[in-house]
């Protein structure tokens, strides 16, 4: 793309020209690789108590992020942000709430397996 300048540290996405941002249409989807899930997979086999500790720590981390994002949502509502501006934030909120539910379910399963 002639005349476009890539953003620092980012290749091919997005580019800036004439104070406008250009986003390529192609989306490259890669399978997720989550180090937390790999640790959980091995921890539950080695020591179920370690798996519980891992999920508790992960849940606390997600809960802190959710608090921060909910605060941002409230602040953006006061600013009358439009729905399009909130798309990414709403994704984060929905994903965090689902992850907390998964953590609770997983802790229940791990604790039942330990008893």
C-alpha atoms as a PDB file:
ATOM      1  CA  UNK A   1       0.000   0.000   0.000  1.00  0.00           C
ATOM      2  CA  UNK A   2       1.928   2.917  -1.290  1.00  0.00           C
ATOM      3  CA  UNK A   3       1.982   6.056   0.814  1.00  0.00           C
ATOM      4  CA  UNK A   4       0.776   4.349   3.996  1.00  0.00           C
ATOM      5  CA  UNK A   5       2.830   4.410   7.174  1.00  0.00           C
ATOM      6  CA  UNK A   6       2.466   1.442   9.523  1.00  0.00           C
ATOM      7  CA  UNK A   7       1.912   2.149  13.182  1.00  0.00           C
ATOM      8  CA  UNK A   8       5.018   1.625  15.346  1.00  0.00           C
ATOM      9  CA  UNK A   9       5.414  -2.004  16.389  1.00  0.00           C
ATOM     10  CA  UNK A  10       2.548  -3.207  14.192  1.00  0.00           C
ATOM     11  CA  UNK A  11       2.941  -4.791  10.786  1.00  0.00           C
ATOM     12  CA  UNK A  12       0.257  -4.380   8.133  1.00  0.00           C
ATOM     13  CA  UNK A  13      -2.407  -3.215  10.582  1.00  0.00           C
ATOM     14  CA  UNK A  14      -3.593  -0.482  10.613  1.00  0.00           C
ATOM     15  CA  UNK A  15      -1.895   2.185   8.546  1.00  0.00           C
ATOM     16  CA  UNK A  16      -2.138   5.970   8.663  1.00  0.00           C
ATOM     17  CA  UNK A  17      -2.260   8.437   5.770  1.00  0.00           C
ATOM     18  CA  UNK A  18      -3.457  12.002   5.792  1.00  0.00           C
ATOM     19  CA  UNK A  19      -4.545  11.712   9.436  1.00  0.00           C
ATOM     20  CA  UNK A  20      -6.893   8.830   8.576  1.00  0.00           C
ATOM     21  CA  UNK A  21      -6.564   5.245   9.758  1.00  0.00           C
ATOM     22  CA  UNK A  22      -6.909   2.487   7.187  1.00  0.00           C
ATOM     23  CA  UNK A  23      -7.747  -1.021   8.354  1.00  0.00           C
ATOM     24  CA  UNK A  24      -7.145  -4.008   6.049  1.00  0.00           C
ATOM     25  CA  UNK A  25     -10.235  -6.091   5.333  1.00  0.00           C
ATOM     26  CA  UNK A  26      -8.522  -9.471   5.621  1.00  0.00           C
ATOM     27  CA  UNK A  27      -8.749 -11.046   9.061  1.00  0.00           C
ATOM     28  CA  UNK A  28      -6.260 -13.706   9.995  1.00  0.00           C
ATOM     29  CA  UNK A  29      -7.711 -15.956  12.677  1.00  0.00           C
ATOM     30  CA  UNK A  30      -5.278 -18.104  14.607  1.00  0.00           C
ATOM     31  CA  UNK A  31      -6.157 -20.785  17.131  1.00  0.00           C
ATOM     32  CA  UNK A  32      -5.921 -19.535  20.713  1.00  0.00           C
ATOM     33  CA  UNK A  33      -2.988 -20.683  22.792  1.00  0.00           C
ATOM     34  CA  UNK A  34      -3.589 -19.843  26.415  1.00  0.00           C
ATOM     35  CA  UNK A  35      -0.723 -20.484  28.860  1.00  0.00           C
ATOM     36  CA  UNK A  36      -3.222 -20.492  31.753  1.00  0.00           C
ATOM     37  CA  UNK A  37      -5.116 -23.445  30.246  1.00  0.00           C
ATOM     38  CA  UNK A  38      -1.888 -25.369  29.625  1.00  0.00           C
ATOM     39  CA  UNK A  39      -0.865 -24.851  33.270  1.00  0.00           C
ATOM     40  CA  UNK A  40      -4.335 -25.876  34.413  1.00  0.00           C
ATOM     41  CA  UNK A  41      -4.233 -29.014  32.266  1.00  0.00           C
ATOM     42  CA  UNK A  42      -0.994 -30.185  33.866  1.00  0.00           C
ATOM     43  CA  UNK A  43      -1.736 -28.924  37.386  1.00  0.00           C
ATOM     44  CA  UNK A  44      -4.945 -30.894  37.683  1.00  0.00           C
ATOM     45  CA  UNK A  45      -3.041 -34.074  36.805  1.00  0.00           C
ATOM     46  CA  UNK A  46      -0.092 -33.390  39.115  1.00  0.00           C
ATOM     47  CA  UNK A  47      -1.954 -31.896  42.079  1.00  0.00           C
ATOM     48  CA  UNK A  48      -5.644 -30.936  42.091  1.00  0.00           C
ATOM     49  CA  UNK A  49      -5.007 -28.437  44.910  1.00  0.00           C
ATOM     50  CA  UNK A  50      -2.562 -26.596  42.635  1.00  0.00           C
ATOM     51  CA  UNK A  51      -5.271 -26.428  39.975  1.00  0.00           C
ATOM     52  CA  UNK A  52      -7.657 -24.858  42.484  1.00  0.00           C
ATOM     53  CA  UNK A  53      -5.067 -22.224  43.427  1.00  0.00           C
ATOM     54  CA  UNK A  54      -4.441 -21.483  39.761  1.00  0.00           C
ATOM     55  CA  UNK A  55      -8.138 -20.987  38.986  1.00  0.00           C
ATOM     56  CA  UNK A  56      -8.659 -18.859  42.116  1.00  0.00           C
ATOM     57  CA  UNK A  57      -5.786 -16.572  41.097  1.00  0.00           C
ATOM     58  CA  UNK A  58      -7.080 -16.360  37.518  1.00  0.00           C
ATOM     59  CA  UNK A  59     -10.600 -15.588  38.763  1.00  0.00           C
ATOM     60  CA  UNK A  60      -9.290 -12.777  40.974  1.00  0.00           C
ATOM     61  CA  UNK A  61      -7.402 -11.318  38.015  1.00  0.00           C
ATOM     62  CA  UNK A  62     -10.477 -11.406  35.761  1.00  0.00           C
ATOM     63  CA  UNK A  63     -12.653  -9.928  38.541  1.00  0.00           C
ATOM     64  CA  UNK A  64     -10.245  -6.969  38.868  1.00  0.00           C
ATOM     65  CA  UNK A  65     -10.312  -6.413  35.109  1.00  0.00           C
ATOM     66  CA  UNK A  66     -14.116  -6.600  35.086  1.00  0.00           C
ATOM     67  CA  UNK A  67     -14.322  -3.961  37.831  1.00  0.00           C
ATOM     68  CA  UNK A  68     -12.088  -1.658  35.814  1.00  0.00           C
ATOM     69  CA  UNK A  69     -14.065  -2.213  32.608  1.00  0.00           C
ATOM     70  CA  UNK A  70     -17.400  -1.665  34.354  1.00  0.00           C
ATOM     71  CA  UNK A  71     -16.068   1.633  35.659  1.00  0.00           C
ATOM     72  CA  UNK A  72     -15.033   2.582  32.129  1.00  0.00           C
ATOM     73  CA  UNK A  73     -18.508   1.636  30.892  1.00  0.00           C
ATOM     74  CA  UNK A  74     -20.143   3.900  33.479  1.00  0.00           C
ATOM     75  CA  UNK A  75     -17.804   6.760  32.605  1.00  0.00           C
ATOM     76  CA  UNK A  76     -18.481   6.318  28.883  1.00  0.00           C
ATOM     77  CA  UNK A  77     -22.225   6.306  29.557  1.00  0.00           C
ATOM     78  CA  UNK A  78     -21.896   9.680  31.291  1.00  0.00           C
ATOM     79  CA  UNK A  79     -20.116  10.948  28.170  1.00  0.00           C
ATOM     80  CA  UNK A  80     -22.997   9.659  26.011  1.00  0.00           C
ATOM     81  CA  UNK A  81     -20.702   7.403  24.006  1.00  0.00           C
ATOM     82  CA  UNK A  82     -22.472   5.832  21.065  1.00  0.00           C
ATOM     83  CA  UNK A  83     -22.913   2.076  20.699  1.00  0.00           C
ATOM     84  CA  UNK A  84     -20.211   1.714  18.060  1.00  0.00           C
ATOM     85  CA  UNK A  85     -17.619   3.296  20.335  1.00  0.00           C
ATOM     86  CA  UNK A  86     -18.494   0.733  23.015  1.00  0.00           C
ATOM     87  CA  UNK A  87     -18.245  -2.432  20.884  1.00  0.00           C
ATOM     88  CA  UNK A  88     -14.801  -3.501  22.096  1.00  0.00           C
ATOM     89  CA  UNK A  89     -15.541  -2.623  25.714  1.00  0.00           C
ATOM     90  CA  UNK A  90     -18.813  -4.591  25.592  1.00  0.00           C
ATOM     91  CA  UNK A  91     -16.909  -7.585  24.191  1.00  0.00           C
ATOM     92  CA  UNK A  92     -14.482  -7.404  27.129  1.00  0.00           C
ATOM     93  CA  UNK A  93     -17.356  -7.174  29.634  1.00  0.00           C
ATOM     94  CA  UNK A  94     -19.264 -10.127  28.189  1.00  0.00           C
ATOM     95  CA  UNK A  95     -16.129 -12.238  27.950  1.00  0.00           C
ATOM     96  CA  UNK A  96     -15.043 -11.413  31.515  1.00  0.00           C
ATOM     97  CA  UNK A  97     -18.474 -12.288  32.947  1.00  0.00           C
ATOM     98  CA  UNK A  98     -18.513 -15.581  31.070  1.00  0.00           C
ATOM     99  CA  UNK A  99     -14.985 -16.344  32.273  1.00  0.00           C
ATOM    100  CA  UNK A 100     -15.982 -15.693  35.891  1.00  0.00           C
ATOM    101  CA  UNK A 101     -18.907 -18.106  35.497  1.00  0.00           C
ATOM    102  CA  UNK A 102     -16.546 -20.689  34.012  1.00  0.00           C
ATOM    103  CA  UNK A 103     -14.096 -20.187  36.916  1.00  0.00           C
ATOM    104  CA  UNK A 104     -16.879 -20.745  39.460  1.00  0.00           C
ATOM    105  CA  UNK A 105     -18.017 -23.906  37.680  1.00  0.00           C
ATOM    106  CA  UNK A 106     -14.440 -25.169  37.365  1.00  0.00           C
ATOM    107  CA  UNK A 107     -13.699 -24.550  41.046  1.00  0.00           C
ATOM    108  CA  UNK A 108     -16.777 -26.531  41.995  1.00  0.00           C
ATOM    109  CA  UNK A 109     -15.681 -29.456  39.810  1.00  0.00           C
ATOM    110  CA  UNK A 110     -12.103 -29.370  41.137  1.00  0.00           C
ATOM    111  CA  UNK A 111     -13.231 -29.196  44.764  1.00  0.00           C
ATOM    112  CA  UNK A 112     -15.620 -32.114  44.277  1.00  0.00           C
ATOM    113  CA  UNK A 113     -12.817 -34.122  42.659  1.00  0.00           C
ATOM    114  CA  UNK A 114     -10.504 -33.353  45.599  1.00  0.00           C
ATOM    115  CA  UNK A 115     -12.945 -34.567  48.247  1.00  0.00           C
END
